[in-house]
Protein backbone atom coordinates (compact mmCIF):
# COMPACT_ATOMS: atom_id res chain seq x y z
CA MET A 1 -97.94 80.21 177.69
CA VAL A 2 -96.50 77.13 179.38
CA ARG A 3 -96.58 73.43 178.50
CA VAL A 4 -99.01 71.50 180.69
CA THR A 5 -99.33 67.73 180.86
CA VAL A 6 -102.43 66.45 182.64
CA VAL A 7 -102.17 62.86 183.86
CA GLY A 8 -105.69 61.42 184.04
CA ALA A 9 -108.74 62.02 181.84
CA GLY A 10 -111.43 61.84 184.50
CA ILE A 11 -113.60 64.75 185.64
CA ALA A 12 -110.62 66.42 187.36
CA GLY A 13 -108.26 66.04 184.41
CA LEU A 14 -110.73 67.20 181.79
CA THR A 15 -111.73 70.21 183.90
CA THR A 16 -108.06 71.11 184.41
CA ALA A 17 -107.45 70.94 180.67
CA LEU A 18 -110.49 73.10 179.89
CA TYR A 19 -109.41 75.90 182.20
CA ALA A 20 -105.71 75.62 181.33
CA VAL A 21 -106.32 75.94 177.60
CA THR A 22 -108.70 78.85 178.24
CA ALA A 23 -105.83 80.54 180.08
CA GLY A 24 -103.73 80.20 176.94
CA HIS A 25 -101.52 77.23 177.80
CA HIS A 26 -100.52 74.31 175.60
CA VAL A 27 -102.18 71.21 177.08
CA VAL A 28 -101.79 67.47 176.59
CA VAL A 29 -103.96 64.96 178.50
CA LEU A 30 -102.77 61.40 179.14
CA ASP A 31 -104.86 58.49 180.38
CA ARG A 32 -103.92 54.90 181.11
CA THR A 33 -107.13 53.52 179.51
CA ASP A 34 -109.02 54.21 176.31
CA ARG A 35 -112.15 55.25 178.23
CA LEU A 36 -112.48 58.90 179.20
CA GLY A 37 -114.05 59.85 182.51
CA GLY A 38 -112.50 57.20 184.75
CA ARG A 39 -115.16 55.94 187.15
CA GLY A 40 -117.11 59.15 186.55
CA THR A 41 -118.65 57.74 183.39
CA SER A 42 -121.24 55.25 182.19
CA GLN A 43 -122.06 52.84 179.41
CA THR A 44 -125.31 52.99 177.45
CA VAL A 45 -127.00 49.60 177.10
CA GLU A 46 -130.37 49.44 175.32
CA GLY A 47 -130.94 53.11 176.07
CA ALA A 48 -130.02 52.82 179.75
CA PRO A 49 -126.93 54.49 181.27
CA ILE A 50 -125.06 51.84 183.30
CA GLY A 51 -122.60 53.39 185.75
CA TYR A 52 -120.74 52.47 188.93
CA GLY A 53 -123.35 52.83 191.62
CA LEU A 54 -125.75 55.73 192.05
CA HIS A 55 -124.14 59.16 192.14
CA LEU A 56 -126.25 62.30 191.89
CA LEU A 57 -125.20 65.53 190.18
CA HIS A 58 -125.47 68.72 192.25
CA ARG A 59 -127.44 71.19 190.12
CA ARG A 60 -125.57 74.15 191.63
CA GLY A 61 -122.16 72.52 192.05
CA PRO A 62 -118.85 73.22 190.29
CA LEU A 63 -119.25 70.38 187.79
CA MET A 64 -122.63 71.68 186.65
CA LYS A 65 -121.07 75.12 186.18
CA VAL A 66 -118.36 73.60 183.97
CA ILE A 67 -120.98 71.84 181.81
CA LYS A 68 -122.99 75.05 181.45
CA LYS A 69 -119.83 76.90 180.46
CA ILE A 70 -118.95 74.57 177.60
CA SER A 71 -122.34 73.38 176.32
CA ARG A 72 -125.49 75.20 175.32
CA LEU A 73 -127.58 72.05 175.25
CA PRO A 74 -129.49 71.65 178.54
CA LEU A 75 -129.14 68.50 180.59
CA VAL A 76 -132.16 66.29 181.18
CA LEU A 77 -132.19 66.11 184.97
CA ALA A 78 -134.58 64.55 187.47
CA SER A 79 -134.29 64.40 191.24
CA PRO A 80 -135.35 61.73 193.75
CA ARG A 81 -138.29 62.81 195.89
CA LEU A 82 -138.29 62.41 199.65
CA ASP A 83 -141.81 61.00 199.62
CA ARG A 84 -140.61 58.19 197.34
CA LEU A 85 -137.32 57.56 199.14
CA HIS A 86 -137.80 54.93 201.83
CA ALA A 87 -135.54 54.22 204.81
CA VAL A 88 -135.59 50.77 206.37
CA ASN A 89 -137.53 50.80 209.70
CA ILE A 90 -138.85 54.30 208.92
CA GLY A 91 -140.70 54.32 205.61
CA PRO A 92 -140.77 57.33 203.28
CA LEU A 93 -138.56 60.22 204.35
CA ARG A 94 -141.55 62.50 203.78
CA PRO A 95 -144.79 60.55 204.31
CA ARG A 96 -147.84 61.90 202.52
CA ASN A 97 -150.63 60.35 204.60
CA ASN A 98 -149.46 61.14 208.13
CA VAL A 99 -149.19 64.85 208.86
CA ARG A 100 -147.76 64.44 212.36
CA LEU A 101 -145.04 62.00 211.28
CA ALA A 102 -144.23 64.13 208.23
CA ALA A 103 -143.71 67.16 210.47
CA GLN A 104 -141.49 65.18 212.83
CA LEU A 105 -139.30 63.81 210.05
CA ARG A 106 -139.07 67.23 208.39
CA ARG A 107 -137.87 68.66 211.69
CA GLU A 108 -135.27 65.91 212.11
CA LEU A 109 -133.98 66.43 208.58
CA ARG A 110 -133.71 70.17 209.15
CA GLN A 111 -131.89 69.77 212.48
CA ALA A 112 -129.48 67.23 210.92
CA GLU A 113 -128.62 65.52 214.19
CA ALA A 114 -126.18 62.64 213.73
CA THR A 115 -128.28 60.45 216.08
CA SER A 116 -131.39 60.74 213.91
CA GLU A 117 -131.86 57.70 211.68
CA VAL A 118 -133.85 59.65 209.11
CA ALA A 119 -131.10 62.28 208.91
CA GLN A 120 -128.53 59.51 208.58
CA ALA A 121 -130.51 57.98 205.71
CA ALA A 122 -130.60 61.26 203.78
CA ALA A 123 -126.92 61.90 204.49
CA LEU A 124 -125.92 58.40 203.36
CA LEU A 125 -127.60 58.82 199.98
CA ALA A 126 -126.45 62.42 199.47
CA GLY A 127 -122.89 61.58 200.49
CA SER A 128 -122.60 58.50 198.26
CA GLY A 129 -122.02 56.22 201.23
CA VAL A 130 -120.42 58.64 203.73
CA LEU A 131 -122.49 60.35 206.41
CA ARG A 132 -121.93 64.07 205.92
CA PHE A 133 -124.41 66.77 206.82
CA ASP A 134 -123.10 69.24 204.25
CA GLY A 135 -124.26 71.08 201.14
CA ARG A 136 -125.22 67.87 199.35
CA TYR A 137 -127.37 66.85 202.33
CA ALA A 138 -129.26 70.13 202.06
CA ALA A 139 -129.43 69.87 198.27
CA LEU A 140 -131.13 66.45 198.44
CA GLN A 141 -133.96 67.94 200.47
CA LYS A 142 -134.37 70.77 197.93
CA GLN A 143 -134.32 68.35 194.97
CA ARG A 144 -131.02 69.72 193.69
CA LEU A 145 -129.27 66.35 193.51
CA SER A 146 -130.22 64.77 190.22
CA VAL A 147 -129.95 61.80 187.92
CA VAL A 148 -128.40 62.74 184.56
CA GLY A 149 -130.65 61.49 181.78
CA GLU A 150 -127.80 60.95 179.32
CA GLY A 151 -125.65 59.30 181.99
CA TRP A 152 -122.28 60.48 183.23
CA ALA A 153 -120.78 59.51 179.88
CA GLY A 154 -122.82 62.37 178.43
CA LEU A 155 -121.11 64.86 180.74
CA VAL A 156 -117.68 63.47 179.90
CA GLY A 157 -118.53 63.52 176.20
CA ARG A 158 -119.42 67.21 176.35
CA MET A 159 -116.12 68.01 178.05
CA ALA A 160 -114.11 65.93 175.57
CA ALA A 161 -115.90 67.58 172.63
CA ALA A 162 -115.06 71.04 173.99
CA LEU A 163 -111.39 70.07 174.28
CA ASP A 164 -111.38 68.62 170.79
CA GLU A 165 -112.74 71.89 169.40
CA VAL A 166 -109.73 73.80 170.76
CA GLY A 167 -107.22 71.18 169.65
CA VAL A 168 -106.26 69.62 172.98
CA LEU A 169 -104.62 66.25 172.45
CA ILE A 170 -105.95 63.39 174.60
CA GLU A 171 -103.60 60.39 174.48
CA ALA A 172 -105.14 57.06 175.53
CA ASN A 173 -103.40 53.91 176.84
CA CYS A 174 -100.52 55.86 178.37
CA GLN A 175 -99.08 54.11 181.41
CA VAL A 176 -97.14 56.75 183.33
CA SER A 177 -94.15 55.33 185.19
CA GLY A 178 -92.73 58.53 186.64
CA VAL A 179 -92.73 62.31 186.82
CA GLU A 180 -89.37 64.09 186.90
CA GLN A 181 -89.42 67.90 187.25
CA GLY A 182 -91.69 68.59 184.32
CA ARG A 183 -91.01 65.42 182.40
CA VAL A 184 -93.62 62.68 182.26
CA VAL A 185 -92.13 59.25 181.55
CA LEU A 186 -94.27 56.45 180.10
CA GLU A 187 -93.68 52.73 180.55
CA ASP A 188 -93.15 52.36 176.79
CA GLY A 189 -90.20 54.76 176.95
CA ARG A 190 -91.89 57.86 175.58
CA THR A 191 -91.57 61.15 177.44
CA PHE A 192 -93.58 64.35 177.51
CA GLU A 193 -91.64 67.53 178.28
CA SER A 194 -93.68 69.97 180.35
CA ASP A 195 -93.39 73.04 182.49
CA ILE A 196 -96.22 71.89 184.77
CA VAL A 197 -97.60 68.41 185.39
CA VAL A 198 -101.07 68.03 186.88
CA LEU A 199 -101.73 64.73 188.62
CA ALA A 200 -105.46 64.18 188.09
CA THR A 201 -105.35 60.43 188.68
CA GLY A 202 -106.80 58.39 191.50
CA ALA A 203 -105.21 58.82 194.91
CA SER A 204 -103.26 55.55 194.84
CA GLN A 205 -101.65 56.28 191.47
CA ALA A 206 -100.85 59.84 192.53
CA ALA A 207 -99.17 58.54 195.70
CA ARG A 208 -97.03 56.20 193.58
CA LEU A 209 -95.95 58.98 191.23
CA LEU A 210 -95.22 61.35 194.12
CA LYS A 211 -93.16 58.81 196.09
CA PRO A 212 -89.74 59.90 194.71
CA ILE A 213 -90.26 63.41 196.10
CA ASP A 214 -92.40 62.52 199.13
CA ALA A 215 -92.22 59.00 200.51
CA HIS A 216 -95.25 59.68 202.73
CA ALA A 217 -97.44 61.33 200.11
CA LEU A 218 -101.18 60.91 200.72
CA GLN A 219 -100.71 58.54 203.65
CA SER A 220 -103.35 60.48 205.56
CA VAL A 221 -105.88 60.02 202.75
CA THR A 222 -108.05 56.95 203.27
CA PRO A 223 -110.04 55.27 200.48
CA VAL A 224 -113.71 54.49 201.05
CA ARG A 225 -114.47 51.21 199.29
CA ALA A 226 -117.82 49.80 198.36
CA SER A 227 -119.59 47.11 196.41
CA THR A 228 -121.84 48.35 193.61
CA LEU A 229 -124.50 46.98 191.31
CA ASP A 230 -126.05 48.56 188.24
CA ALA A 231 -128.65 46.42 186.49
CA LEU A 232 -131.19 46.82 183.73
CA LEU A 233 -134.26 44.65 184.43
CA THR A 234 -137.48 43.69 182.70
CA SER A 235 -139.37 44.07 186.01
CA ARG A 236 -139.64 46.81 188.65
CA PRO A 237 -138.97 45.21 192.04
CA LEU A 238 -139.01 48.56 193.86
CA SER A 239 -142.51 49.25 192.51
CA GLN A 240 -142.88 53.07 192.40
CA LYS A 241 -140.21 53.82 194.98
CA HIS A 242 -137.30 56.04 193.99
CA GLY A 243 -135.00 54.28 196.41
CA ILE A 244 -134.50 52.33 199.63
CA ILE A 245 -131.83 53.24 202.19
CA ASP A 246 -130.54 50.94 204.93
CA VAL A 247 -128.44 52.99 207.33
CA ARG A 248 -127.43 50.04 209.51
CA GLU A 249 -126.05 48.20 206.49
CA GLY A 250 -124.51 51.34 204.97
CA ALA A 251 -126.33 50.64 201.73
CA TYR A 252 -128.89 52.09 199.36
CA ILE A 253 -130.58 51.08 196.11
CA ALA A 254 -132.42 53.28 193.63
CA ASP A 255 -134.53 52.69 190.55
CA VAL A 256 -133.21 55.30 188.14
CA ALA A 257 -136.07 54.54 185.74
CA ASN A 258 -138.54 55.73 188.39
CA ILE A 259 -136.54 58.87 189.13
CA GLN A 260 -135.96 59.73 185.47
CA PRO A 261 -139.11 58.73 183.50
CA LYS A 262 -137.74 60.32 180.31
CA LEU A 263 -135.49 57.29 179.94
CA ASN A 264 -138.67 55.53 178.74
CA LEU A 265 -137.63 52.14 180.09
CA ASP A 266 -140.15 49.32 180.36
CA GLY A 267 -138.39 47.82 183.37
CA ALA A 268 -136.11 49.01 186.15
CA LEU A 269 -132.62 50.47 186.12
CA LEU A 270 -131.30 49.57 189.56
CA SER A 271 -128.23 51.28 191.00
CA ALA A 272 -127.00 50.15 194.41
CA VAL A 273 -124.06 50.82 196.73
CA MET A 274 -122.88 49.16 199.96
CA VAL A 275 -119.99 50.78 201.83
CA GLU A 276 -117.34 48.76 203.65
CA ARG A 277 -117.28 48.25 207.40
CA PRO A 278 -114.05 48.43 209.42
CA ASN A 279 -111.84 45.37 208.92
CA GLU A 280 -114.37 43.82 206.53
CA SER A 281 -113.12 41.89 203.52
CA ALA A 282 -114.57 42.34 200.05
CA GLU A 283 -115.95 38.79 200.27
CA GLU A 284 -117.72 39.49 203.57
CA ARG A 285 -119.17 42.69 202.18
CA GLY A 286 -120.28 40.81 199.08
CA VAL A 287 -122.33 38.42 201.20
CA ARG A 288 -123.99 41.34 203.00
CA PHE A 289 -124.61 43.08 199.69
CA ASP A 290 -126.33 40.07 198.14
CA LYS A 291 -128.60 39.75 201.18
CA PHE A 292 -129.42 43.46 201.01
CA LEU A 293 -130.30 43.22 197.32
CA ASP A 294 -132.47 40.15 197.89
CA ARG A 295 -134.36 41.89 200.71
CA THR A 296 -134.95 45.20 198.96
CA ALA A 297 -135.36 44.08 195.32
CA LYS A 298 -136.77 40.58 195.63
CA GLY A 299 -136.31 38.44 192.55
CA TRP A 300 -134.25 41.03 190.68
CA GLN A 301 -131.70 38.46 189.46
CA HIS A 302 -134.39 36.59 187.50
CA HIS A 303 -135.14 39.61 185.27
CA VAL A 304 -131.68 40.88 184.32
CA VAL A 305 -131.07 42.22 180.82
CA HIS A 306 -127.62 43.59 181.64
CA GLN A 307 -125.68 44.13 184.85
CA ARG A 308 -122.37 45.52 186.09
CA LYS A 309 -121.35 44.41 189.56
CA GLN A 310 -118.20 45.61 191.32
CA ALA A 311 -116.99 43.60 194.30
CA SER A 312 -114.77 46.41 195.56
CA ILE A 313 -114.35 49.91 194.18
CA THR A 314 -113.05 53.14 195.72
CA VAL A 315 -116.00 55.52 195.66
CA GLN A 316 -114.29 58.43 197.46
CA THR A 317 -111.69 59.27 200.11
CA THR A 318 -111.58 60.72 203.61
CA GLY A 319 -108.82 62.07 205.83
CA THR A 320 -106.43 65.01 205.69
CA LYS A 321 -106.18 65.89 202.02
CA PRO A 322 -103.32 67.86 200.42
CA ALA A 323 -103.67 71.31 198.89
CA TYR A 324 -103.73 71.41 195.10
CA ASP A 325 -100.39 73.29 195.01
CA ARG A 326 -98.54 71.35 197.71
CA TYR A 327 -95.84 70.19 195.27
CA ILE A 328 -95.67 73.27 193.06
CA GLU A 329 -91.92 73.67 193.74
CA HIS A 330 -91.51 70.39 191.88
CA GLY A 331 -93.63 71.57 188.98
CA ILE A 332 -96.60 69.43 190.05
CA LEU A 333 -100.21 70.37 190.79
CA LEU A 334 -102.91 68.04 192.16
CA ALA A 335 -106.53 67.64 191.08
CA GLY A 336 -109.15 65.16 192.20
CA GLU A 337 -111.69 64.23 194.83
CA TRP A 338 -108.76 63.35 197.13
CA VAL A 339 -107.43 66.95 197.09
CA ASP A 340 -108.42 69.47 199.77
CA CYS A 341 -111.60 71.28 198.74
CA GLU A 342 -114.82 72.69 200.18
CA HIS A 343 -116.82 70.46 197.84
CA GLU A 344 -117.25 66.68 197.70
CA LEU A 345 -117.15 63.85 195.18
CA ALA A 346 -117.34 64.85 191.48
CA ASP A 347 -117.74 68.50 192.46
CA ALA A 348 -114.43 68.30 194.33
CA ALA A 349 -112.80 66.86 191.22
CA ALA A 350 -114.17 69.71 189.09
CA ALA A 351 -113.34 72.42 191.65
CA THR A 352 -109.73 71.31 192.13
CA GLY A 353 -109.33 70.89 188.37
CA LYS A 354 -110.48 74.49 187.93
CA LEU A 355 -108.01 75.62 190.61
CA CYS A 356 -105.15 73.93 188.78
CA GLY A 357 -106.16 75.20 185.36
CA GLN A 358 -106.53 78.80 186.53
CA ASN A 359 -103.40 78.94 188.70
CA ILE A 360 -100.65 77.57 186.47
CA PRO A 361 -97.59 79.73 187.16
């Protein structure tokens, strides 16, 4: 048994802790806020899960496997349908009243050519703003990318409950100022002595903590920033559509209430994302985003019950990512979406967390 300190209580950190304690180690989790899950969480308002832009859970991904491992209660999942997902200038990705067009679009989706606008639309939604023709792209077409009925806070809550059952301490409001060969130093002067430290923070915080041992840490990892809107409305401006995708704007909007009818909402639950363009400021993107929202969900702002709007948020990263054990000689492991992995997004966080938890020396 070794002492393990996990810095960060998001999906990556909680997964690391679950597998590390299962392996018999003594684990402490630290987080700089009092809200578990990081950006991989949500807030329930009048029965509606308000998150940080639409992100779909892969039914066969690593995160789903973690949830199944720790919880017997099934998730209430529902997937967007291609016939109710519309792309600007195309219409539904799988039209129901035009056999010839439906066959053509099905062929383009299957071939996944980067020049195909319908393939780009599916990839944009599946990749949460980044065009990737990968496993998530295929999963969207097979209805294996899903809205979580209880919201992402429900997933985080299940993980936290499992850790609580085995006595893992989760310390909130811990601002970590440095990591020194097994010792985690907090800004308030406290220290945590460890044999292994797992950095399961965001990429920028990890780079700051790694700087004393690697001045160029994570310089090849690039954040992908976006503007997001999540809004509970009394109306349904998308009508019966599950979502609208605008490839040229790098944006999409979904009505989660249409995708997941078991939420039993009278109005809409809109969730929208617009990804940055090169050299674009947050203000410039905000102007584009407002125009996109007004075009696709006309009048939405007149029916708002509650909304969360983010002018600029890092939704994921690209670039050359480090291996989870790159700094093991310093007693440090890495977990997160920004760590090298065959999976993407939340599944990458869960997969790298599992790697860390199962491979503590």
